[in-house]
Amino acid sequence: MSSTTKAADRKAATDVAAWMFNVVTSVGIIMVNKALMATYGFSFATTLTGLHFATTTMLTTFLRWLGYIQTSHLPFSELVRFVVFANFSIVGMNVSLMWNSVGFYQIAKLSMIPVSCFLEVVLDKVRYSRDTKLSILLVLFGVGVCTVTDVSVNAKGFIAAFVAVWSTAMQQYYVHYLQRKYNLGSFNLLGHTAPAQAASLLLLGPFVDYWLTSKRVDAYNYGFLSVFSSAMKLSELGEWESLASETVMKERVSVEVQDFDICYAFFMILSCSIAVGTNLSQFICIGRFTAVTFQVLGHMKTILVLVLGFIFFGKEGLNMQVILGMVIAVLGMIWYGNASSKPGGKERRSLSLPKSQKQSVPETTTSEDEKV
């Protein structure tokens, strides 16, 4: 076996590992956050994201102290631009979900792929083959069939979705752009961006969450008070009247409080821990692939979330339309992977060089390393 073949096999294995890492962590954090918000009432999504980036900051700082992350440079203007895009993406998605129907929210998420394609064509001079374009359309159609139900549009909801889609597409494009331009590894880039995002989201998150939920983060009943409050509400409904005595009631509340504290702390720590992997795997995948490929294959996570939701949270909503949409989307992803990996499937056209540089730089018309 030639060295070229071995290198190609090694790259393919690394690509698969990186993608599986992203799928596992992304699906995992969705399921954990769903339990954290639905079961324990911690509905402060923006603040929670700030905690995620704070945890990521602590890890990258520790690894830099150990010497695993080398010192690198990222201009402050680039950092600010990235953080603005990333934070608008987070807030925009939350606002879009609040102001729009679920159907239109899903359509907005699907539109990220065409927007990402547009950015790559305009900014990176990427060219797509006909099969690659058709495979993307098939993925969009399949995911749309299994996720889009009721669709209603209003002016402010449309604006929120527009901001969310474009800021998310720009943020993902910028991950690939910054890694390529400044020769930054995934951990290096995360080490630059995580502290800025953590600080900005923890500062602004409580205000954004109050605007979205009409609830204050500082008023959330952490630990004992939350369960005690729930116990009192149940008492008003007659739940506790069936208990034999006040002593039995106190013992039951005490057990509930202890279980709540342990479970709540476990889910919060687990959410922050998985988020580190999610943030890192996103940077790894977009760095190795492109934002478009990340979006196309990313819909595999949508399919997995639907399947796991049916398994763990009941089969309500599972019907032939959903199953058919999943099958179509998966076939589209397979087609995309095959089409984009062929010569001419997806490639970057290099800019023409000045005559003074043509002697020292070999002429190329396309860049094969951008294929996926």
Protein backbone atom coordinates (compact mmCIF):
# COMPACT_ATOMS: atom_id res chain seq x y z
CA MET A 1 0.00 0.00 0.00
CA SER A 2 1.47 3.34 -1.08
CA SER A 3 2.10 6.19 1.32
CA THR A 4 -0.49 8.28 -0.54
CA THR A 5 -3.16 5.64 0.02
CA LYS A 6 -2.25 5.35 3.69
CA ALA A 7 -2.44 9.12 4.12
CA ALA A 8 -5.86 9.19 2.42
CA ASP A 9 -7.14 6.37 4.64
CA ARG A 10 -5.79 8.12 7.72
CA LYS A 11 -7.50 11.38 6.71
CA ALA A 12 -10.80 9.57 6.06
CA ALA A 13 -10.64 7.88 9.46
CA THR A 14 -9.88 11.20 11.17
CA ASP A 15 -12.74 12.91 9.32
CA VAL A 16 -15.18 10.20 10.43
CA ALA A 17 -13.94 10.42 14.02
CA ALA A 18 -14.29 14.22 14.04
CA TRP A 19 -17.79 14.03 12.64
CA MET A 20 -18.92 11.33 15.08
CA PHE A 21 -17.49 13.44 17.92
CA ASN A 22 -19.63 16.36 16.78
CA VAL A 23 -22.76 14.23 16.33
CA VAL A 24 -22.48 12.59 19.75
CA THR A 25 -21.79 15.83 21.64
CA SER A 26 -24.40 17.89 19.74
CA VAL A 27 -27.18 15.34 20.17
CA GLY A 28 -26.10 14.73 23.77
CA ILE A 29 -26.26 18.38 24.77
CA ILE A 30 -29.70 18.79 23.17
CA MET A 31 -31.07 15.88 25.19
CA VAL A 32 -29.41 17.05 28.44
CA ASN A 33 -30.57 20.65 28.00
CA LYS A 34 -34.08 19.42 27.23
CA ALA A 35 -34.10 17.58 30.56
CA LEU A 36 -32.54 20.54 32.37
CA MET A 37 -35.10 23.02 31.05
CA ALA A 38 -38.22 20.85 30.97
CA THR A 39 -37.68 18.98 34.25
CA TYR A 40 -35.96 21.59 36.39
CA GLY A 41 -37.35 24.75 34.81
CA PHE A 42 -33.98 26.34 34.00
CA SER A 43 -35.24 28.15 30.89
CA PHE A 44 -32.41 30.69 30.63
CA ALA A 45 -30.89 29.50 27.36
CA THR A 46 -28.61 32.49 26.71
CA THR A 47 -27.16 32.47 30.23
CA LEU A 48 -26.69 28.71 30.02
CA THR A 49 -24.72 29.19 26.80
CA GLY A 50 -22.55 31.72 28.64
CA LEU A 51 -21.85 29.07 31.30
CA HIS A 52 -20.92 26.66 28.53
CA PHE A 53 -18.33 29.05 27.14
CA ALA A 54 -17.06 29.84 30.66
CA THR A 55 -16.40 26.12 31.16
CA THR A 56 -14.69 25.98 27.77
CA THR A 57 -12.55 28.97 28.76
CA MET A 58 -11.41 27.25 31.94
CA LEU A 59 -10.40 24.14 29.97
CA THR A 60 -8.49 26.03 27.27
CA THR A 61 -6.73 28.14 29.92
CA PHE A 62 -5.72 24.99 31.80
CA LEU A 63 -4.45 23.32 28.61
CA ARG A 64 -2.49 26.43 27.66
CA TRP A 65 -0.92 26.43 31.13
CA LEU A 66 0.08 22.80 30.62
CA GLY A 67 1.59 23.67 27.26
CA TYR A 68 -0.84 21.72 25.07
CA ILE A 69 -2.08 24.91 23.39
CA GLN A 70 0.62 27.04 21.79
CA THR A 71 0.57 30.82 21.86
CA SER A 72 -1.08 32.24 18.75
CA HIS A 73 -2.30 35.58 17.48
CA LEU A 74 -5.76 36.69 16.41
CA PRO A 75 -6.31 40.40 15.67
CA PHE A 76 -8.73 42.08 18.04
CA SER A 77 -10.89 43.35 15.17
CA GLU A 78 -11.33 39.78 13.87
CA LEU A 79 -12.19 38.55 17.36
CA VAL A 80 -14.83 41.25 17.84
CA ARG A 81 -16.34 40.51 14.45
CA PHE A 82 -16.54 36.80 15.21
CA VAL A 83 -18.08 37.33 18.67
CA VAL A 84 -20.72 39.68 17.23
CA PHE A 85 -21.72 37.10 14.61
CA ALA A 86 -21.71 34.25 17.14
CA ASN A 87 -23.74 36.09 19.78
CA PHE A 88 -26.27 37.38 17.26
CA SER A 89 -26.61 33.77 16.11
CA ILE A 90 -27.37 32.52 19.62
CA VAL A 91 -29.80 35.29 20.53
CA GLY A 92 -31.34 35.32 17.05
CA MET A 93 -32.13 31.61 17.16
CA ASN A 94 -33.78 31.94 20.56
CA VAL A 95 -35.85 34.95 19.48
CA SER A 96 -36.78 33.29 16.19
CA LEU A 97 -38.07 30.24 18.04
CA MET A 98 -40.12 32.47 20.35
CA TRP A 99 -41.64 34.71 17.67
CA ASN A 100 -42.21 32.17 14.89
CA SER A 101 -44.16 28.98 14.49
CA VAL A 102 -42.15 25.76 14.72
CA GLY A 103 -42.66 25.21 11.00
CA PHE A 104 -41.22 28.58 9.96
CA TYR A 105 -38.39 28.18 12.48
CA GLN A 106 -37.42 24.90 10.79
CA ILE A 107 -37.61 26.51 7.34
CA ALA A 108 -35.29 29.27 8.58
CA LYS A 109 -32.80 26.65 9.80
CA LEU A 110 -32.94 24.89 6.43
CA SER A 111 -32.21 28.17 4.63
CA MET A 112 -28.77 28.28 6.27
CA ILE A 113 -27.45 25.87 3.65
CA PRO A 114 -28.29 28.11 0.65
CA VAL A 115 -26.92 31.12 2.55
CA SER A 116 -23.69 29.24 3.36
CA CYS A 117 -23.41 28.20 -0.29
CA PHE A 118 -23.84 31.83 -1.35
CA LEU A 119 -21.08 32.95 1.03
CA GLU A 120 -18.67 30.30 -0.24
CA VAL A 121 -19.41 31.11 -3.88
CA VAL A 122 -19.02 34.86 -3.40
CA LEU A 123 -16.20 35.01 -0.83
CA ASP A 124 -14.24 31.82 -1.54
CA LYS A 125 -15.02 31.35 -5.24
CA VAL A 126 -16.25 27.80 -4.61
CA ARG A 127 -17.87 26.00 -7.53
CA TYR A 128 -20.45 23.22 -7.09
CA SER A 129 -21.28 20.50 -9.59
CA ARG A 130 -24.86 19.79 -10.64
CA ASP A 131 -25.00 16.57 -8.58
CA THR A 132 -23.75 18.38 -5.48
CA LYS A 133 -26.44 21.05 -5.85
CA LEU A 134 -29.17 18.43 -6.39
CA SER A 135 -28.03 16.42 -3.37
CA ILE A 136 -28.26 19.53 -1.18
CA LEU A 137 -31.79 20.15 -2.44
CA LEU A 138 -32.71 16.53 -1.64
CA VAL A 139 -31.42 16.91 1.93
CA LEU A 140 -33.39 20.13 2.36
CA PHE A 141 -36.53 18.48 1.00
CA GLY A 142 -36.19 15.43 3.25
CA VAL A 143 -35.59 17.40 6.43
CA GLY A 144 -38.42 19.74 5.48
CA VAL A 145 -40.83 16.84 5.05
CA CYS A 146 -40.13 15.44 8.53
CA THR A 147 -39.82 18.70 10.50
CA VAL A 148 -41.97 21.42 8.88
CA THR A 149 -45.60 21.33 9.98
CA ASP A 150 -47.52 24.52 10.68
CA VAL A 151 -46.08 27.55 8.89
CA SER A 152 -47.10 31.08 9.80
CA VAL A 153 -45.07 34.23 9.24
CA ASN A 154 -45.12 37.64 10.92
CA ALA A 155 -42.93 40.68 10.35
CA LYS A 156 -40.88 40.64 13.56
CA GLY A 157 -40.52 36.85 13.39
CA PHE A 158 -39.22 37.09 9.83
CA ILE A 159 -36.66 39.75 10.86
CA ALA A 160 -35.50 37.59 13.79
CA ALA A 161 -35.13 34.55 11.51
CA PHE A 162 -33.26 36.63 8.90
CA VAL A 163 -30.77 37.88 11.51
CA ALA A 164 -30.38 34.39 12.99
CA VAL A 165 -29.74 32.70 9.64
CA TRP A 166 -27.23 35.20 8.31
CA SER A 167 -25.34 35.59 11.60
CA THR A 168 -25.10 31.80 12.00
CA ALA A 169 -23.89 31.37 8.43
CA MET A 170 -21.32 34.14 8.90
CA GLN A 171 -20.14 32.69 12.23
CA GLN A 172 -19.61 29.26 10.69
CA TYR A 173 -17.91 30.73 7.64
CA TYR A 174 -15.64 32.75 9.90
CA VAL A 175 -14.53 29.65 11.81
CA HIS A 176 -13.13 28.17 8.60
CA TYR A 177 -11.82 31.54 7.40
CA LEU A 178 -9.91 32.39 10.60
CA GLN A 179 -8.37 28.94 10.91
CA ARG A 180 -7.18 29.10 7.31
CA LYS A 181 -5.98 32.72 7.31
CA TYR A 182 -4.15 32.74 10.67
CA ASN A 183 -3.17 29.07 10.69
CA LEU A 184 -5.05 28.41 13.91
CA GLY A 185 -5.91 25.00 15.26
CA SER A 186 -9.33 24.29 16.71
CA PHE A 187 -8.14 24.65 20.31
CA ASN A 188 -6.19 27.81 19.46
CA LEU A 189 -9.23 29.50 17.92
CA LEU A 190 -11.47 28.33 20.75
CA GLY A 191 -8.95 29.72 23.25
CA HIS A 192 -9.30 33.14 21.64
CA THR A 193 -13.08 33.21 21.19
CA ALA A 194 -14.44 31.35 24.24
CA PRO A 195 -13.41 33.95 26.89
CA ALA A 196 -14.92 36.81 24.88
CA GLN A 197 -18.15 34.91 24.28
CA ALA A 198 -18.38 33.80 27.91
CA ALA A 199 -17.93 37.36 29.20
CA SER A 200 -20.40 38.91 26.76
CA LEU A 201 -23.08 36.22 27.17
CA LEU A 202 -22.87 36.12 30.98
CA LEU A 203 -23.12 39.92 31.01
CA LEU A 204 -25.99 40.26 28.54
CA GLY A 205 -27.56 36.80 28.91
CA PRO A 206 -29.69 37.52 32.00
CA PHE A 207 -31.22 40.59 30.32
CA VAL A 208 -31.89 38.70 27.09
CA ASP A 209 -33.42 35.77 28.99
CA TYR A 210 -35.64 38.11 30.98
CA TRP A 211 -36.80 39.68 27.72
CA LEU A 212 -37.56 36.25 26.25
CA THR A 213 -39.07 34.50 29.29
CA SER A 214 -40.13 37.32 31.66
CA LYS A 215 -38.14 35.45 34.34
CA ARG A 216 -35.06 36.65 36.20
CA VAL A 217 -32.02 34.40 36.46
CA ASP A 218 -31.29 35.62 39.99
CA ALA A 219 -34.86 34.81 41.02
CA TYR A 220 -34.57 31.16 40.00
CA ASN A 221 -34.95 28.93 43.06
CA TYR A 222 -31.71 26.98 43.01
CA GLY A 223 -31.63 23.76 45.02
CA PHE A 224 -33.75 23.51 48.16
CA LEU A 225 -36.01 26.50 47.57
CA SER A 226 -37.08 25.24 44.16
CA VAL A 227 -38.29 21.90 45.48
CA PHE A 228 -39.81 23.44 48.61
CA SER A 229 -41.77 25.87 46.43
CA SER A 230 -42.95 22.96 44.27
CA ALA A 231 -43.93 21.04 47.39
CA MET A 232 -46.01 23.94 48.64
CA LYS A 233 -47.81 24.20 45.30
CA LEU A 234 -48.56 20.48 45.41
CA SER A 235 -49.81 20.93 48.95
CA GLU A 236 -52.29 23.54 47.75
CA LEU A 237 -53.60 21.05 45.23
CA GLY A 238 -54.16 18.44 47.90
CA GLU A 239 -51.17 16.25 46.98
CA TRP A 240 -49.83 16.23 50.50
CA GLU A 241 -53.16 15.89 52.29
CA SER A 242 -53.07 12.13 51.85
CA LEU A 243 -49.91 11.79 53.92
CA ALA A 244 -50.36 10.24 57.35
CA SER A 245 -48.72 12.98 59.35
CA GLU A 246 -46.65 16.16 59.19
CA THR A 247 -43.53 14.16 60.05
CA VAL A 248 -43.99 11.91 57.02
CA MET A 249 -44.50 14.98 54.86
CA LYS A 250 -41.23 16.55 56.02
CA GLU A 251 -39.34 13.32 55.40
CA ARG A 252 -40.74 13.10 51.87
CA VAL A 253 -39.85 16.73 51.09
CA SER A 254 -36.36 16.15 52.48
CA VAL A 255 -35.82 13.17 50.18
CA GLU A 256 -37.20 15.12 47.20
CA VAL A 257 -34.88 18.05 47.97
CA GLN A 258 -31.84 15.81 48.21
CA ASP A 259 -32.69 14.04 44.94
CA PHE A 260 -33.36 17.37 43.23
CA ASP A 261 -30.08 18.91 44.34
CA ILE A 262 -28.08 15.92 43.14
CA CYS A 263 -29.91 15.55 39.81
CA TYR A 264 -30.00 19.29 39.08
CA ALA A 265 -26.28 19.65 39.80
CA PHE A 266 -25.54 16.55 37.72
CA PHE A 267 -27.43 17.83 34.67
CA MET A 268 -25.92 21.31 34.94
CA ILE A 269 -22.36 19.95 35.17
CA LEU A 270 -23.07 17.44 32.41
CA SER A 271 -24.45 20.18 30.14
CA CYS A 272 -21.39 22.38 30.63
CA SER A 273 -19.03 19.43 30.14
CA ILE A 274 -20.64 18.23 26.93
CA ALA A 275 -20.72 21.83 25.67
CA VAL A 276 -16.91 21.88 25.70
CA GLY A 277 -16.92 18.94 23.30
CA THR A 278 -19.67 20.51 21.20
CA ASN A 279 -17.78 23.80 20.81
CA LEU A 280 -14.51 22.04 20.04
CA SER A 281 -16.02 19.54 17.60
CA GLN A 282 -17.76 22.34 15.70
CA PHE A 283 -14.46 24.13 15.18
CA ILE A 284 -12.75 20.85 14.22
CA CYS A 285 -15.41 19.89 11.68
CA ILE A 286 -15.75 23.31 10.05
CA GLY A 287 -11.95 23.57 9.97
CA ARG A 288 -11.58 20.18 8.29
CA PHE A 289 -14.59 20.56 6.00
CA THR A 290 -16.54 23.72 5.15
CA ALA A 291 -19.59 25.48 6.57
CA VAL A 292 -21.82 24.02 3.84
CA THR A 293 -20.72 20.44 4.48
CA PHE A 294 -21.13 21.05 8.21
CA GLN A 295 -24.71 22.20 7.61
CA VAL A 296 -25.61 19.38 5.20
CA LEU A 297 -24.26 16.56 7.34
CA GLY A 298 -25.48 18.45 10.41
CA HIS A 299 -29.03 17.51 9.53
CA MET A 300 -28.08 13.97 10.50
CA LYS A 301 -28.19 15.35 14.04
CA THR A 302 -31.73 16.59 13.40
CA ILE A 303 -32.74 13.07 12.38
CA LEU A 304 -31.05 11.55 15.45
CA VAL A 305 -32.71 14.05 17.79
CA LEU A 306 -36.10 13.14 16.31
CA VAL A 307 -35.41 9.41 16.69
CA LEU A 308 -34.12 9.74 20.26
CA GLY A 309 -37.05 11.99 21.12
CA PHE A 310 -39.45 9.31 19.96
CA ILE A 311 -37.53 6.67 21.95
CA PHE A 312 -37.17 8.55 25.24
CA PHE A 313 -40.09 10.98 25.20
CA GLY A 314 -42.83 8.97 23.49
CA LYS A 315 -43.88 8.21 19.91
CA GLU A 316 -46.28 11.14 19.56
CA GLY A 317 -45.74 12.74 16.17
CA LEU A 318 -44.09 9.68 14.64
CA ASN A 319 -45.87 8.89 11.36
CA MET A 320 -45.14 7.82 7.80
CA GLN A 321 -44.47 11.40 6.72
CA VAL A 322 -41.72 11.79 9.32
CA ILE A 323 -40.20 8.40 8.48
CA LEU A 324 -40.29 9.17 4.74
CA GLY A 325 -38.62 12.55 5.33
CA MET A 326 -35.85 10.90 7.37
CA VAL A 327 -35.17 8.35 4.62
CA ILE A 328 -35.06 11.06 1.93
CA ALA A 329 -32.71 13.23 4.02
CA VAL A 330 -30.32 10.36 4.70
CA LEU A 331 -30.24 9.42 1.00
CA GLY A 332 -29.50 13.06 0.17
CA MET A 333 -26.61 13.13 2.66
CA ILE A 334 -25.13 9.97 1.13
CA TRP A 335 -25.51 11.46 -2.34
CA TYR A 336 -23.88 14.72 -1.18
CA GLY A 337 -20.89 12.90 0.30
CA ASN A 338 -20.39 10.97 -2.92
CA ALA A 339 -21.00 13.90 -5.29
CA SER A 340 -18.85 16.44 -3.43
CA SER A 341 -15.90 14.02 -3.20
CA LYS A 342 -15.72 13.50 -6.97
CA PRO A 343 -13.40 15.66 -9.10
CA GLY A 344 -15.22 18.90 -9.80
CA GLY A 345 -17.92 18.13 -7.24
CA LYS A 346 -16.94 20.98 -4.98
CA GLU A 347 -13.75 22.95 -5.46
CA ARG A 348 -12.33 26.38 -4.94
CA ARG A 349 -11.20 28.36 -7.94
CA SER A 350 -7.89 30.00 -7.13
CA LEU A 351 -7.45 33.63 -7.99
CA SER A 352 -5.10 34.51 -10.84
CA LEU A 353 -1.65 35.49 -9.65
CA PRO A 354 0.46 38.44 -10.76
CA LYS A 355 3.16 37.59 -13.31
CA SER A 356 5.90 38.24 -10.74
CA GLN A 357 4.50 35.46 -8.54
CA LYS A 358 3.74 32.90 -11.23
CA GLN A 359 7.35 31.75 -11.41
CA SER A 360 7.54 30.91 -7.71
CA VAL A 361 4.02 29.55 -7.22
CA PRO A 362 2.74 26.60 -9.26
CA GLU A 363 -0.39 27.39 -11.24
CA THR A 364 -3.55 25.74 -10.02
CA THR A 365 -7.10 26.20 -11.11
CA THR A 366 -8.78 24.42 -8.22
CA SER A 367 -8.02 23.56 -4.64
CA GLU A 368 -8.53 19.86 -3.95
CA ASP A 369 -8.12 20.17 -0.17
CA GLU A 370 -11.50 21.86 0.10
CA LYS A 371 -13.30 18.78 -1.19
CA VAL A 372 -15.25 16.75 1.29
